[in-house]
């Protein structure tokens, strides 16, 4: 009897919320990794596996973005210099970034009546095959022509940070075959290198 009452409570609670009646400006999260530090899954507002529920709220296809990132291989196409002389790059510099498994994702639902918020980015956390840290991809939208054009990634190690941006001559024409990656160390040293996408 107690079990039946519990089931009826869950059903009635779900019907009050409604399957698609998530309030505007709500964070939708998903985690495929129980030990992950980012975006712990929200029982009430699930983004769906691999953030598939994104398509319910925005007229954009999350799968274009996931495929675009997953297919990227970002290869160093530059040399390191010190005092104008070519040198070996620091050991923290990655030669090849190869995107691994998506472990977490998060997005915010668009504002509705009674709510007011800026539409936030889609955040995707990948376990990259090339570094031990989780890599955070942040995408402001999904570009229909080039899904990853409005994205950048970053990650944080113990004593340095890494940030990326795609090359552009103007902000409306990004070249997603070229990536500038900046390494910033705690001692104040900074290094920007050019990478090519294969």
C-alpha atoms as a PDB file:
ATOM      1  CA  UNK A   1       0.000   0.000   0.000  1.00  0.00           C
ATOM      2  CA  UNK A   2       2.829   2.418   0.890  1.00  0.00           C
ATOM      3  CA  UNK A   3       4.526   1.578  -2.399  1.00  0.00           C
ATOM      4  CA  UNK A   4       1.301   2.317  -4.310  1.00  0.00           C
ATOM      5  CA  UNK A   5       0.893   5.665  -2.536  1.00  0.00           C
ATOM      6  CA  UNK A   6       4.504   6.523  -3.388  1.00  0.00           C
ATOM      7  CA  UNK A   7       3.985   5.697  -7.067  1.00  0.00           C
ATOM      8  CA  UNK A   8       0.783   7.758  -7.206  1.00  0.00           C
ATOM      9  CA  UNK A   9       2.627  10.695  -5.599  1.00  0.00           C
ATOM     10  CA  UNK A  10       5.404  10.573  -8.203  1.00  0.00           C
ATOM     11  CA  UNK A  11       2.880  10.393 -11.062  1.00  0.00           C
ATOM     12  CA  UNK A  12       0.834  13.300  -9.738  1.00  0.00           C
ATOM     13  CA  UNK A  13       3.989  15.353  -9.097  1.00  0.00           C
ATOM     14  CA  UNK A  14       5.202  14.714 -12.640  1.00  0.00           C
ATOM     15  CA  UNK A  15       1.836  15.715 -14.062  1.00  0.00           C
ATOM     16  CA  UNK A  16       1.940  18.986 -12.124  1.00  0.00           C
ATOM     17  CA  UNK A  17       5.352  19.800 -13.555  1.00  0.00           C
ATOM     18  CA  UNK A  18       4.502  18.654 -17.049  1.00  0.00           C
ATOM     19  CA  UNK A  19       6.904  16.859 -19.332  1.00  0.00           C
ATOM     20  CA  UNK A  20       7.993  19.974 -21.193  1.00  0.00           C
ATOM     21  CA  UNK A  21       7.027  22.673 -18.709  1.00  0.00           C
ATOM     22  CA  UNK A  22      10.458  23.536 -17.389  1.00  0.00           C
ATOM     23  CA  UNK A  23      10.539  27.196 -16.262  1.00  0.00           C
ATOM     24  CA  UNK A  24      12.452  29.691 -18.371  1.00  0.00           C
ATOM     25  CA  UNK A  25      16.051  30.454 -17.354  1.00  0.00           C
ATOM     26  CA  UNK A  26      16.465  26.980 -15.786  1.00  0.00           C
ATOM     27  CA  UNK A  27      19.753  25.112 -15.941  1.00  0.00           C
ATOM     28  CA  UNK A  28      19.372  21.794 -17.728  1.00  0.00           C
ATOM     29  CA  UNK A  29      22.158  19.323 -16.959  1.00  0.00           C
ATOM     30  CA  UNK A  30      23.308  15.851 -17.883  1.00  0.00           C
ATOM     31  CA  UNK A  31      26.192  13.741 -16.624  1.00  0.00           C
ATOM     32  CA  UNK A  32      27.479  10.490 -18.026  1.00  0.00           C
ATOM     33  CA  UNK A  33      30.111  10.306 -15.298  1.00  0.00           C
ATOM     34  CA  UNK A  34      29.020   9.800 -11.690  1.00  0.00           C
ATOM     35  CA  UNK A  35      32.434  11.034 -10.494  1.00  0.00           C
ATOM     36  CA  UNK A  36      32.456  14.201 -12.587  1.00  0.00           C
ATOM     37  CA  UNK A  37      32.974  17.559 -10.910  1.00  0.00           C
ATOM     38  CA  UNK A  38      30.969  19.578 -13.429  1.00  0.00           C
ATOM     39  CA  UNK A  39      27.234  20.039 -13.854  1.00  0.00           C
ATOM     40  CA  UNK A  40      25.905  17.349 -11.551  1.00  0.00           C
ATOM     41  CA  UNK A  41      22.683  16.045 -13.078  1.00  0.00           C
ATOM     42  CA  UNK A  42      19.479  17.702 -11.905  1.00  0.00           C
ATOM     43  CA  UNK A  43      16.731  15.164 -11.211  1.00  0.00           C
ATOM     44  CA  UNK A  44      14.007  17.695 -12.022  1.00  0.00           C
ATOM     45  CA  UNK A  45      15.567  19.442 -15.021  1.00  0.00           C
ATOM     46  CA  UNK A  46      17.446  16.822 -17.008  1.00  0.00           C
ATOM     47  CA  UNK A  47      19.068  17.886 -20.260  1.00  0.00           C
ATOM     48  CA  UNK A  48      18.670  14.341 -21.546  1.00  0.00           C
ATOM     49  CA  UNK A  49      21.510  12.070 -22.554  1.00  0.00           C
ATOM     50  CA  UNK A  50      24.201  14.094 -24.351  1.00  0.00           C
ATOM     51  CA  UNK A  51      21.963  17.183 -23.915  1.00  0.00           C
ATOM     52  CA  UNK A  52      19.486  15.909 -26.526  1.00  0.00           C
ATOM     53  CA  UNK A  53      16.690  17.952 -24.882  1.00  0.00           C
ATOM     54  CA  UNK A  54      18.388  21.094 -26.230  1.00  0.00           C
ATOM     55  CA  UNK A  55      16.491  20.536 -29.468  1.00  0.00           C
ATOM     56  CA  UNK A  56      13.191  20.913 -27.573  1.00  0.00           C
ATOM     57  CA  UNK A  57      14.003  24.497 -26.571  1.00  0.00           C
ATOM     58  CA  UNK A  58      16.029  25.886 -29.473  1.00  0.00           C
ATOM     59  CA  UNK A  59      15.638  25.725 -33.235  1.00  0.00           C
ATOM     60  CA  UNK A  60      19.114  24.264 -33.579  1.00  0.00           C
ATOM     61  CA  UNK A  61      20.394  20.691 -33.770  1.00  0.00           C
ATOM     62  CA  UNK A  62      22.670  19.681 -30.891  1.00  0.00           C
ATOM     63  CA  UNK A  63      23.841  16.683 -32.919  1.00  0.00           C
ATOM     64  CA  UNK A  64      25.515  18.966 -35.477  1.00  0.00           C
ATOM     65  CA  UNK A  65      27.555  20.456 -32.662  1.00  0.00           C
ATOM     66  CA  UNK A  66      28.425  17.141 -30.997  1.00  0.00           C
ATOM     67  CA  UNK A  67      29.511  15.616 -34.304  1.00  0.00           C
ATOM     68  CA  UNK A  68      31.482  18.724 -35.274  1.00  0.00           C
ATOM     69  CA  UNK A  69      33.481  18.696 -32.027  1.00  0.00           C
ATOM     70  CA  UNK A  70      33.895  14.920 -31.927  1.00  0.00           C
ATOM     71  CA  UNK A  71      35.421  14.874 -35.411  1.00  0.00           C
ATOM     72  CA  UNK A  72      38.032  17.513 -34.629  1.00  0.00           C
ATOM     73  CA  UNK A  73      41.727  16.733 -34.453  1.00  0.00           C
ATOM     74  CA  UNK A  74      43.660  19.888 -33.549  1.00  0.00           C
ATOM     75  CA  UNK A  75      47.345  19.668 -34.483  1.00  0.00           C
ATOM     76  CA  UNK A  76      50.184  22.041 -33.543  1.00  0.00           C
ATOM     77  CA  UNK A  77      51.306  24.023 -36.607  1.00  0.00           C
ATOM     78  CA  UNK A  78      53.793  26.375 -35.001  1.00  0.00           C
ATOM     79  CA  UNK A  79      57.192  26.576 -33.306  1.00  0.00           C
ATOM     80  CA  UNK A  80      58.185  27.980 -29.934  1.00  0.00           C
ATOM     81  CA  UNK A  81      60.668  30.826 -29.623  1.00  0.00           C
ATOM     82  CA  UNK A  82      62.564  32.450 -26.794  1.00  0.00           C
ATOM     83  CA  UNK A  83      64.391  35.751 -27.289  1.00  0.00           C
ATOM     84  CA  UNK A  84      63.864  35.379 -31.045  1.00  0.00           C
ATOM     85  CA  UNK A  85      65.434  31.926 -31.190  1.00  0.00           C
ATOM     86  CA  UNK A  86      63.501  28.741 -31.952  1.00  0.00           C
ATOM     87  CA  UNK A  87      63.443  26.393 -28.962  1.00  0.00           C
ATOM     88  CA  UNK A  88      61.690  23.254 -27.811  1.00  0.00           C
ATOM     89  CA  UNK A  89      58.182  23.952 -26.603  1.00  0.00           C
ATOM     90  CA  UNK A  90      57.442  23.592 -22.869  1.00  0.00           C
ATOM     91  CA  UNK A  91      56.265  20.111 -21.871  1.00  0.00           C
ATOM     92  CA  UNK A  92      52.794  21.482 -21.096  1.00  0.00           C
ATOM     93  CA  UNK A  93      52.250  22.309 -24.775  1.00  0.00           C
ATOM     94  CA  UNK A  94      50.062  19.707 -26.451  1.00  0.00           C
ATOM     95  CA  UNK A  95      51.034  18.530 -29.949  1.00  0.00           C
ATOM     96  CA  UNK A  96      47.634  17.058 -30.831  1.00  0.00           C
ATOM     97  CA  UNK A  97      44.224  17.538 -29.226  1.00  0.00           C
ATOM     98  CA  UNK A  98      41.911  14.620 -29.927  1.00  0.00           C
ATOM     99  CA  UNK A  99      38.423  14.946 -28.505  1.00  0.00           C
ATOM    100  CA  UNK A 100      37.440  12.087 -26.231  1.00  0.00           C
ATOM    101  CA  UNK A 101      34.142  11.157 -24.590  1.00  0.00           C
ATOM    102  CA  UNK A 102      31.457  13.659 -23.623  1.00  0.00           C
ATOM    103  CA  UNK A 103      31.032  13.356 -19.865  1.00  0.00           C
ATOM    104  CA  UNK A 104      28.824  16.345 -18.904  1.00  0.00           C
ATOM    105  CA  UNK A 105      26.785  19.063 -20.528  1.00  0.00           C
ATOM    106  CA  UNK A 106      24.634  22.005 -19.483  1.00  0.00           C
ATOM    107  CA  UNK A 107      22.446  24.661 -21.062  1.00  0.00           C
ATOM    108  CA  UNK A 108      19.851  27.186 -19.890  1.00  0.00           C
ATOM    109  CA  UNK A 109      16.263  27.221 -21.108  1.00  0.00           C
ATOM    110  CA  UNK A 110      15.179  30.416 -22.885  1.00  0.00           C
ATOM    111  CA  UNK A 111      13.283  33.068 -20.915  1.00  0.00           C
ATOM    112  CA  UNK A 112       9.519  32.803 -20.689  1.00  0.00           C
ATOM    113  CA  UNK A 113       6.826  35.122 -19.357  1.00  0.00           C
ATOM    114  CA  UNK A 114       7.819  36.132 -15.850  1.00  0.00           C
ATOM    115  CA  UNK A 115      11.496  35.254 -16.292  1.00  0.00           C
ATOM    116  CA  UNK A 116      14.311  37.389 -17.617  1.00  0.00           C
ATOM    117  CA  UNK A 117      17.765  36.114 -18.507  1.00  0.00           C
ATOM    118  CA  UNK A 118      20.254  36.216 -21.321  1.00  0.00           C
ATOM    119  CA  UNK A 119      20.399  33.017 -23.329  1.00  0.00           C
ATOM    120  CA  UNK A 120      23.465  31.271 -21.983  1.00  0.00           C
ATOM    121  CA  UNK A 121      25.986  29.120 -23.830  1.00  0.00           C
ATOM    122  CA  UNK A 122      25.975  25.354 -24.186  1.00  0.00           C
ATOM    123  CA  UNK A 123      28.746  23.907 -22.012  1.00  0.00           C
ATOM    124  CA  UNK A 124      30.182  20.540 -22.983  1.00  0.00           C
ATOM    125  CA  UNK A 125      32.767  18.720 -20.865  1.00  0.00           C
ATOM    126  CA  UNK A 126      34.980  16.225 -22.646  1.00  0.00           C
ATOM    127  CA  UNK A 127      37.512  13.776 -21.368  1.00  0.00           C
ATOM    128  CA  UNK A 128      40.137  14.566 -23.974  1.00  0.00           C
ATOM    129  CA  UNK A 129      42.479  11.810 -25.132  1.00  0.00           C
ATOM    130  CA  UNK A 130      45.482  14.147 -25.080  1.00  0.00           C
ATOM    131  CA  UNK A 131      45.372  15.730 -21.601  1.00  0.00           C
ATOM    132  CA  UNK A 132      44.457  14.483 -18.137  1.00  0.00           C
ATOM    133  CA  UNK A 133      42.220  17.489 -17.387  1.00  0.00           C
ATOM    134  CA  UNK A 134      38.616  17.780 -18.510  1.00  0.00           C
ATOM    135  CA  UNK A 135      38.233  20.130 -21.457  1.00  0.00           C
ATOM    136  CA  UNK A 136      35.331  22.589 -21.382  1.00  0.00           C
ATOM    137  CA  UNK A 137      33.829  23.527 -24.736  1.00  0.00           C
ATOM    138  CA  UNK A 138      31.620  26.623 -24.550  1.00  0.00           C
ATOM    139  CA  UNK A 139      29.371  27.337 -27.540  1.00  0.00           C
ATOM    140  CA  UNK A 140      27.230  30.464 -27.788  1.00  0.00           C
ATOM    141  CA  UNK A 141      25.096  28.962 -30.543  1.00  0.00           C
ATOM    142  CA  UNK A 142      25.094  26.216 -33.159  1.00  0.00           C
ATOM    143  CA  UNK A 143      26.073  27.686 -36.492  1.00  0.00           C
ATOM    144  CA  UNK A 144      24.161  26.000 -39.339  1.00  0.00           C
ATOM    145  CA  UNK A 145      27.011  26.480 -41.820  1.00  0.00           C
ATOM    146  CA  UNK A 146      29.803  25.476 -39.432  1.00  0.00           C
ATOM    147  CA  UNK A 147      28.469  24.077 -36.166  1.00  0.00           C
ATOM    148  CA  UNK A 148      31.566  24.855 -34.061  1.00  0.00           C
ATOM    149  CA  UNK A 149      32.159  28.427 -35.316  1.00  0.00           C
ATOM    150  CA  UNK A 150      30.762  29.982 -32.130  1.00  0.00           C
ATOM    151  CA  UNK A 151      32.710  27.690 -29.800  1.00  0.00           C
ATOM    152  CA  UNK A 152      35.935  27.861 -27.840  1.00  0.00           C
ATOM    153  CA  UNK A 153      37.528  25.470 -25.379  1.00  0.00           C
ATOM    154  CA  UNK A 154      39.574  25.805 -22.221  1.00  0.00           C
ATOM    155  CA  UNK A 155      41.042  23.701 -19.455  1.00  0.00           C
ATOM    156  CA  UNK A 156      42.822  24.305 -16.180  1.00  0.00           C
ATOM    157  CA  UNK A 157      45.829  22.413 -14.857  1.00  0.00           C
ATOM    158  CA  UNK A 158      47.556  22.871 -11.503  1.00  0.00           C
ATOM    159  CA  UNK A 159      49.917  25.645 -12.591  1.00  0.00           C
ATOM    160  CA  UNK A 160      48.650  26.820 -15.979  1.00  0.00           C
ATOM    161  CA  UNK A 161      45.484  27.556 -17.983  1.00  0.00           C
ATOM    162  CA  UNK A 162      44.720  26.976 -21.646  1.00  0.00           C
ATOM    163  CA  UNK A 163      42.293  28.972 -23.810  1.00  0.00           C
ATOM    164  CA  UNK A 164      41.411  28.650 -27.494  1.00  0.00           C
ATOM    165  CA  UNK A 165      39.789  30.750 -30.182  1.00  0.00           C
ATOM    166  CA  UNK A 166      39.219  30.214 -33.877  1.00  0.00           C
ATOM    167  CA  UNK A 167      40.993  32.486 -36.330  1.00  0.00           C
ATOM    168  CA  UNK A 168      38.943  35.298 -37.877  1.00  0.00           C
ATOM    169  CA  UNK A 169      39.578  38.378 -39.973  1.00  0.00           C
ATOM    170  CA  UNK A 170      36.285  39.764 -38.754  1.00  0.00           C
ATOM    171  CA  UNK A 171      33.815  38.322 -36.261  1.00  0.00           C
ATOM    172  CA  UNK A 172      31.363  37.297 -38.974  1.00  0.00           C
ATOM    173  CA  UNK A 173      33.856  35.121 -40.845  1.00  0.00           C
ATOM    174  CA  UNK A 174      35.599  32.652 -38.568  1.00  0.00           C
ATOM    175  CA  UNK A 175      37.975  30.109 -40.046  1.00  0.00           C
ATOM    176  CA  UNK A 176      37.471  26.937 -38.021  1.00  0.00           C
ATOM    177  CA  UNK A 177      40.450  25.265 -39.679  1.00  0.00           C
ATOM    178  CA  UNK A 178      42.826  27.470 -37.661  1.00  0.00           C
ATOM    179  CA  UNK A 179      42.859  27.630 -33.853  1.00  0.00           C
ATOM    180  CA  UNK A 180      44.901  29.970 -31.671  1.00  0.00           C
ATOM    181  CA  UNK A 181      45.665  28.367 -28.325  1.00  0.00           C
ATOM    182  CA  UNK A 182      47.057  30.401 -25.450  1.00  0.00           C
ATOM    183  CA  UNK A 183      48.936  28.847 -22.522  1.00  0.00           C
ATOM    184  CA  UNK A 184      49.112  30.981 -19.373  1.00  0.00           C
ATOM    185  CA  UNK A 185      51.332  29.884 -16.493  1.00  0.00           C
ATOM    186  CA  UNK A 186      51.048  31.048 -12.874  1.00  0.00           C
ATOM    187  CA  UNK A 187      54.542  32.565 -13.062  1.00  0.00           C
ATOM    188  CA  UNK A 188      53.218  35.085 -15.592  1.00  0.00           C
ATOM    189  CA  UNK A 189      54.613  33.440 -18.725  1.00  0.00           C
ATOM    190  CA  UNK A 190      52.272  33.289 -21.684  1.00  0.00           C
ATOM    191  CA  UNK A 191      52.525  31.535 -25.034  1.00  0.00           C
ATOM    192  CA  UNK A 192      50.153  31.676 -28.026  1.00  0.00           C
ATOM    193  CA  UNK A 193      50.499  28.985 -30.681  1.00  0.00           C
ATOM    194  CA  UNK A 194      48.736  28.250 -33.940  1.00  0.00           C
ATOM    195  CA  UNK A 195      47.052  24.904 -34.498  1.00  0.00           C
ATOM    196  CA  UNK A 196      45.394  23.445 -37.588  1.00  0.00           C
ATOM    197  CA  UNK A 197      42.200  21.385 -37.555  1.00  0.00           C
ATOM    198  CA  UNK A 198      42.404  18.152 -39.519  1.00  0.00           C
END
